[in-house]
Protein backbone atom coordinates (compact mmCIF):
# COMPACT_ATOMS: atom_id res chain seq x y z
CA UNK A 1 -16.71 -24.81 10.11
CA UNK A 2 -16.33 -20.64 10.41
CA UNK A 3 -12.63 -19.77 9.31
CA UNK A 4 -11.65 -17.50 12.67
CA UNK A 5 -12.37 -19.27 15.50
CA UNK A 6 -10.93 -19.64 19.22
CA UNK A 7 -11.16 -22.87 21.43
CA UNK A 8 -11.35 -22.01 25.22
CA UNK A 9 -9.04 -24.61 27.15
CA UNK A 10 -8.87 -24.21 30.88
CA UNK A 11 -5.96 -24.41 32.76
CA UNK A 12 -5.33 -24.01 36.13
CA UNK A 13 -9.15 -21.76 36.61
CA UNK A 14 -7.51 -19.53 33.15
CA UNK A 15 -9.03 -19.38 30.12
CA UNK A 16 -7.08 -19.35 27.44
CA UNK A 17 -7.92 -18.71 23.59
CA UNK A 18 -6.17 -21.47 21.17
CA UNK A 19 -7.44 -23.38 18.32
CA UNK A 20 -5.74 -26.84 18.12
CA UNK A 21 -5.45 -28.42 14.84
CA UNK A 22 -5.08 -31.93 13.38
CA UNK A 23 -4.35 -33.74 10.18
CA UNK A 24 -2.66 -37.16 8.92
CA UNK A 25 -2.71 -38.34 5.90
CA UNK A 26 -5.45 -40.88 7.01
CA UNK A 27 -7.92 -37.83 7.27
CA UNK A 28 -9.77 -36.64 4.75
CA UNK A 29 -10.31 -33.14 6.55
CA UNK A 30 -8.30 -30.84 9.30
CA UNK A 31 -9.77 -31.79 12.27
CA UNK A 32 -9.86 -29.54 15.94
CA UNK A 33 -8.65 -30.94 18.62
CA UNK A 34 -8.88 -30.33 22.43
CA UNK A 35 -5.58 -30.12 23.36
CA UNK A 36 -1.84 -29.83 22.36
CA UNK A 37 -0.38 -33.22 20.49
CA UNK A 38 2.51 -34.38 18.26
CA UNK A 39 2.71 -32.92 14.74
CA UNK A 40 -0.92 -30.59 16.04
CA UNK A 41 -0.65 -26.72 14.19
CA UNK A 42 -1.59 -24.73 17.24
CA UNK A 43 -2.64 -21.93 15.35
CA UNK A 44 -2.27 -18.21 17.78
CA UNK A 45 -4.35 -14.59 16.83
CA UNK A 46 -3.99 -11.81 18.70
CA UNK A 47 -2.95 -13.62 21.98
CA UNK A 48 -3.02 -12.47 25.88
CA UNK A 49 0.12 -11.98 27.78
CA UNK A 50 -1.99 -15.30 30.15
CA UNK A 51 -2.43 -16.98 26.08
CA UNK A 52 1.51 -16.32 25.09
CA UNK A 53 2.80 -17.49 28.78
CA UNK A 54 0.77 -20.85 28.16
CA UNK A 55 2.53 -21.36 24.50
CA UNK A 56 6.35 -20.50 25.89
CA UNK A 57 5.97 -23.18 28.78
CA UNK A 58 3.87 -25.71 26.45
CA UNK A 59 5.86 -25.67 23.60
CA UNK A 60 9.64 -24.43 25.52
CA UNK A 61 10.19 -21.38 23.82
CA UNK A 62 11.63 -18.68 25.00
CA UNK A 63 9.39 -15.64 25.90
CA UNK A 64 10.45 -12.84 24.27
CA UNK A 65 10.41 -14.68 20.24
CA UNK A 66 6.70 -14.59 21.29
CA UNK A 67 6.26 -10.79 22.22
CA UNK A 68 8.45 -10.22 18.89
CA UNK A 69 5.46 -11.96 17.14
CA UNK A 70 3.21 -9.46 18.32
CA UNK A 71 5.02 -6.51 17.57
CA UNK A 72 3.25 -5.14 14.05
CA UNK A 73 6.98 -3.12 13.07
CA UNK A 74 9.04 -5.96 13.64
CA UNK A 75 10.41 -6.88 9.98
CA UNK A 76 10.97 -10.71 8.67
CA UNK A 77 13.64 -12.61 9.96
CA UNK A 78 14.65 -16.57 10.64
CA UNK A 79 16.22 -17.68 13.81
CA UNK A 80 17.11 -21.40 14.69
CA UNK A 81 18.01 -22.89 17.85
CA UNK A 82 18.12 -26.59 18.79
CA UNK A 83 14.67 -26.85 19.39
CA UNK A 84 12.70 -24.56 17.08
CA UNK A 85 13.09 -22.72 13.78
CA UNK A 86 11.37 -19.03 13.58
CA UNK A 87 10.46 -17.86 10.60
CA UNK A 88 9.00 -14.24 10.74
CA UNK A 89 8.09 -12.64 7.23
CA UNK A 90 5.30 -9.72 6.64
CA UNK A 91 1.82 -10.62 5.15
CA UNK A 92 -0.36 -8.46 3.19
CA UNK A 93 -3.65 -7.00 4.39
CA UNK A 94 -5.05 -4.45 2.04
CA UNK A 95 -5.98 -1.23 0.77
CA UNK A 96 -8.52 -0.46 3.35
CA UNK A 97 -6.77 -1.43 6.69
CA UNK A 98 -5.38 0.93 9.33
CA UNK A 99 -2.13 -0.49 8.50
CA UNK A 100 -1.23 -2.32 5.42
CA UNK A 101 1.55 -5.35 6.42
CA UNK A 102 1.76 -7.56 9.45
CA UNK A 103 4.07 -9.70 10.75
CA UNK A 104 3.13 -13.81 10.41
CA UNK A 105 5.46 -15.60 12.84
CA UNK A 106 5.85 -19.77 12.42
CA UNK A 107 7.48 -21.09 14.69
CA UNK A 108 8.84 -25.11 13.27
CA UNK A 109 9.41 -27.24 16.66
CA UNK A 110 9.77 -30.81 16.57
CA UNK A 111 6.15 -31.51 17.92
CA UNK A 112 4.65 -28.66 17.23
CA UNK A 113 3.77 -25.93 14.18
CA UNK A 114 3.37 -23.04 15.61
CA UNK A 115 1.49 -20.06 13.95
CA UNK A 116 1.18 -16.43 15.75
CA UNK A 117 -0.13 -13.33 14.24
CA UNK A 118 -1.74 -9.81 15.43
CA UNK A 119 -5.14 -9.73 13.89
CA UNK A 120 -6.91 -12.99 11.58
CA UNK A 121 -5.67 -12.70 8.12
CA UNK A 122 -6.82 -14.73 4.65
CA UNK A 123 -3.16 -16.66 4.39
CA UNK A 124 -3.78 -18.42 7.87
CA UNK A 125 -7.51 -18.43 6.79
CA UNK A 126 -7.70 -20.19 4.16
CA UNK A 127 -5.98 -23.32 5.58
CA UNK A 128 -9.06 -23.59 7.37
CA UNK A 129 -11.05 -24.19 4.04
CA UNK A 130 -9.71 -27.12 3.48
CA UNK A 131 -7.15 -28.88 0.80
CA UNK A 132 -6.51 -32.70 0.32
CA UNK A 133 -2.87 -31.91 0.25
CA UNK A 134 -2.74 -30.15 3.22
CA UNK A 135 -0.69 -32.33 6.33
CA UNK A 136 -0.21 -30.46 9.73
CA UNK A 137 3.04 -32.76 10.07
CA UNK A 138 4.87 -31.82 7.07
CA UNK A 139 5.64 -28.58 8.10
CA UNK A 140 8.17 -27.90 5.50
CA UNK A 141 5.28 -27.86 2.98
CA UNK A 142 2.80 -25.89 5.53
CA UNK A 143 6.01 -23.16 5.01
CA UNK A 144 6.82 -23.35 1.39
CA UNK A 145 2.34 -22.69 1.06
CA UNK A 146 2.30 -19.99 2.73
CA UNK A 147 5.16 -18.00 1.31
CA UNK A 148 3.41 -19.16 -1.82
CA UNK A 149 0.12 -18.04 -0.77
CA UNK A 150 1.67 -14.67 0.15
CA UNK A 151 3.19 -13.81 -2.87
CA UNK A 152 0.18 -14.29 -4.52
CA UNK A 153 -1.58 -11.81 -1.98
CA UNK A 154 1.24 -9.25 -3.04
CA UNK A 155 0.77 -10.09 -6.88
CA UNK A 156 -3.12 -9.59 -6.39
CA UNK A 157 -3.13 -6.26 -3.94
CA UNK A 158 -0.45 -4.65 -6.03
CA UNK A 159 -1.96 -5.63 -9.47
CA UNK A 160 -5.41 -4.20 -8.94
CA UNK A 161 -4.09 -0.82 -7.70
CA UNK A 162 -1.80 -0.32 -10.57
CA UNK A 163 -5.80 -0.78 -11.98
CA UNK A 164 -6.52 1.74 -10.36
CA UNK A 165 -3.39 4.15 -11.22
CA UNK A 166 -3.87 3.54 -14.66
CA UNK A 167 -7.35 4.85 -14.48
CA UNK A 168 -6.23 7.88 -12.96
CA UNK A 169 -3.29 7.79 -15.61
CA UNK A 170 -6.02 8.50 -18.78
CA UNK A 171 -7.88 11.78 -17.03
CA UNK A 172 -5.63 14.04 -15.45
CA UNK A 173 -6.68 17.03 -16.66
CA UNK A 174 -10.44 15.82 -14.75
CA UNK A 175 -8.21 14.79 -11.45
CA UNK A 176 -10.02 15.94 -7.93
CA UNK A 177 -7.98 17.24 -4.77
CA UNK A 178 -9.61 13.91 -3.26
CA UNK A 179 -8.07 11.86 -5.73
CA UNK A 180 -4.63 13.19 -5.50
CA UNK A 181 -5.09 12.37 -1.78
CA UNK A 182 -5.96 8.72 -2.99
CA UNK A 183 -2.78 8.59 -4.53
CA UNK A 184 -0.35 9.49 -2.19
CA UNK A 185 -2.11 6.94 0.52
CA UNK A 186 -2.11 4.29 -2.20
CA UNK A 187 1.82 6.02 -2.90
CA UNK A 188 2.63 4.37 1.24
CA UNK A 189 0.38 1.77 0.76
CA UNK A 190 2.89 0.43 -2.20
CA UNK A 191 6.08 1.46 -0.25
CA UNK A 192 5.22 -0.71 2.51
CA UNK A 193 5.01 -3.72 0.74
CA UNK A 194 8.02 -3.14 -1.27
CA UNK A 195 9.32 -3.38 2.22
CA UNK A 196 7.76 -5.78 3.42
CA UNK A 197 8.73 -7.89 -0.03
CA UNK A 198 12.31 -7.12 -0.31
CA UNK A 199 12.66 -8.61 3.40
CA UNK A 200 10.49 -11.62 2.61
CA UNK A 201 12.63 -12.07 -0.16
CA UNK A 202 15.76 -11.91 2.09
CA UNK A 203 14.52 -15.03 4.26
CA UNK A 204 13.49 -17.10 0.90
CA UNK A 205 17.15 -16.79 -0.06
CA UNK A 206 18.71 -18.14 3.36
CA UNK A 207 16.18 -20.70 3.12
CA UNK A 208 17.26 -21.05 -0.15
CA UNK A 209 21.24 -21.90 0.54
CA UNK A 210 19.76 -24.81 3.12
CA UNK A 211 21.21 -23.94 6.19
CA UNK A 212 17.83 -22.96 8.35
CA UNK A 213 15.72 -26.51 5.70
CA UNK A 214 17.23 -29.22 4.39
CA UNK A 215 15.67 -29.00 1.23
CA UNK A 216 15.04 -31.38 -1.13
CA UNK A 217 15.48 -30.59 -5.05
CA UNK A 218 11.90 -29.98 -5.88
CA UNK A 219 11.21 -27.50 -2.95
CA UNK A 220 14.63 -25.48 -4.14
CA UNK A 221 13.22 -25.76 -7.20
CA UNK A 222 10.03 -23.69 -5.40
CA UNK A 223 12.32 -21.56 -3.29
CA UNK A 224 13.95 -20.23 -6.49
CA UNK A 225 10.16 -20.06 -8.54
CA UNK A 226 8.86 -17.80 -5.45
CA UNK A 227 12.13 -15.86 -5.44
CA UNK A 228 11.60 -15.27 -9.25
CA UNK A 229 7.73 -14.45 -8.87
CA UNK A 230 8.72 -11.82 -5.99
CA UNK A 231 11.36 -9.71 -7.92
CA UNK A 232 8.74 -9.25 -10.63
CA UNK A 233 5.96 -8.41 -8.09
CA UNK A 234 8.69 -6.01 -6.86
CA UNK A 235 9.02 -4.55 -9.46
CA UNK A 236 5.14 -3.90 -10.50
CA UNK A 237 5.28 -2.29 -6.78
CA UNK A 238 8.30 -0.05 -7.93
CA UNK A 239 6.51 0.69 -11.23
CA UNK A 240 3.63 2.02 -9.70
CA UNK A 241 5.69 4.15 -7.09
CA UNK A 242 7.10 5.89 -10.01
CA UNK A 243 3.82 5.95 -11.73
CA UNK A 244 2.67 7.56 -9.25
CA UNK A 245 5.41 10.46 -9.03
CA UNK A 246 4.69 10.77 -12.58
CA UNK A 247 1.02 11.33 -12.45
CA UNK A 248 1.37 13.88 -9.29
CA UNK A 249 3.38 15.63 -11.32
CA UNK A 250 1.95 16.01 -14.72
CA UNK A 251 -0.67 17.18 -12.42
CA UNK A 252 1.35 19.58 -10.86
CA UNK A 253 2.31 20.29 -13.90
CA UNK A 254 -0.98 20.95 -15.67
CA UNK A 255 -2.29 22.94 -12.66
CA UNK A 256 1.12 25.74 -12.89
CA UNK A 257 0.35 25.86 -16.67
CA UNK A 258 -3.43 26.76 -16.22
CA UNK A 259 -2.78 28.94 -13.52
CA UNK A 260 0.00 30.81 -15.93
CA UNK A 261 -2.52 30.92 -18.50
CA UNK A 262 -5.63 32.59 -16.04
CA UNK A 263 -2.51 34.93 -14.55
CA UNK A 264 -1.74 36.25 -18.14
CA UNK A 265 -5.18 36.78 -19.38
CA UNK A 266 -6.15 38.55 -16.19
CA UNK A 267 -3.83 40.83 -16.69
CA UNK A 268 -4.07 41.03 -20.42
CA UNK A 269 -7.19 42.30 -19.44
CA UNK A 270 -6.26 44.45 -16.71
CA UNK A 271 -3.53 46.56 -18.91
CA UNK A 272 -5.97 46.63 -22.07
CA UNK A 273 -8.90 48.65 -19.31
CA UNK A 274 -6.40 50.85 -17.69
CA UNK A 275 -5.59 52.81 -21.00
CA UNK A 276 -9.06 53.68 -21.08
CA UNK A 277 -9.24 54.59 -17.64
CA UNK A 278 -6.07 56.97 -18.36
CA UNK A 279 -7.34 58.56 -20.69
CA UNK A 280 -10.63 59.41 -19.19
CA UNK A 281 -9.13 60.36 -15.71
CA UNK A 282 -6.71 62.96 -17.61
CA UNK A 283 -10.61 64.74 -19.15
CA UNK A 284 -11.78 64.26 -15.66
CA UNK A 285 -9.71 66.77 -14.22
CA UNK A 286 -11.27 70.25 -13.75
CA UNK A 287 -8.42 72.41 -16.43
CA UNK A 288 -9.25 73.54 -19.23
CA UNK A 289 -8.27 70.72 -21.93
CA UNK A 290 -7.59 70.66 -25.39
CA UNK A 291 -11.28 70.98 -27.43
CA UNK A 292 -12.87 71.13 -24.17
CA UNK A 293 -14.98 73.56 -25.26
CA UNK A 294 -16.24 71.68 -29.27
CA UNK A 295 -18.90 69.84 -29.54
CA UNK A 296 -19.05 66.14 -29.73
CA UNK A 297 -15.37 65.82 -28.27
CA UNK A 298 -16.91 63.58 -26.08
CA UNK A 299 -16.99 60.83 -29.63
CA UNK A 300 -13.74 61.68 -30.30
CA UNK A 301 -12.29 60.41 -27.11
CA UNK A 302 -14.75 57.06 -27.36
CA UNK A 303 -13.22 56.33 -30.58
CA UNK A 304 -9.33 57.26 -30.25
CA UNK A 305 -10.29 54.88 -26.36
CA UNK A 306 -11.56 51.84 -28.03
CA UNK A 307 -8.54 51.99 -31.01
CA UNK A 308 -6.43 52.17 -28.80
CA UNK A 309 -8.20 49.29 -26.70
CA UNK A 310 -8.05 47.14 -30.01
CA UNK A 311 -4.35 48.02 -30.66
CA UNK A 312 -3.92 46.95 -27.90
CA UNK A 313 -6.19 43.64 -28.00
CA UNK A 314 -3.85 42.77 -30.90
CA UNK A 315 -0.94 43.05 -30.20
CA UNK A 316 -1.81 40.74 -27.16
CA UNK A 317 -2.67 37.79 -29.47
CA UNK A 318 -0.24 38.73 -31.82
CA UNK A 319 2.45 37.89 -29.21
CA UNK A 320 0.19 35.16 -27.67
CA UNK A 321 -0.82 37.10 -24.34
CA UNK A 322 -4.11 36.05 -25.00
């Protein structure tokens, strides 16, 4: 079964792209069904306005809730009403995407489990690959599984980023402009991740208090473990950001130091070459000069010039200007 596939349903002559699944304890595999039924999972990806209205009417969910789910800048939040519970978290997409995290909305009603995202993603897609312990009727477990996979996904991406950053940390003298550009882009990604992680952690804390979902002891332990893991991921992310800043500062310092060395060298050479220029300029004047009529005066002047240059060079080397 392909991971991302849409179900076409006709209602009043309008086509709706909605994917509906169902699985209970008797089923071995996740089944695709043709209509909404109790304890089903409704998976909505990048829906149109018509699809949003359809879900709103059938599941009795306010339209603005579903519209918020399609806002790519929507922040994590949790909202509870009498007939439904809405949880919005941010999930990672990876470094090569146009935006690095997107909102994932999970809506738990008395009858349905609904997930809404603006594009396909591996976290929700992984549930389509199977899993004997996954049942659409066990909505809290689905929610906790999504949390767990989200934390693991962030952890994997951030650790992969850390490996690349550490490689550049040990080759500061060989960094190119493209490497610095990549570091700046990676820093932007990590800042996006850490913002999403902090927001997700606040959702986990609220759920842990038991105000929105009644938790068993095992589920409380799971949320606590996820919070610990998430704090570690946040710390790792923050460490990588600091490492990138240190690399950029070190690279800037190295460039400045190299530039100063070049300027010192060029200035010293300029001064050394200026001395014979001054002497030759004086003896190039069309006036009477000491020794102007003597034989071999040219060699005396050249010798004196070389001595002056040698002394200047020795002084610059002694002063460590060269």
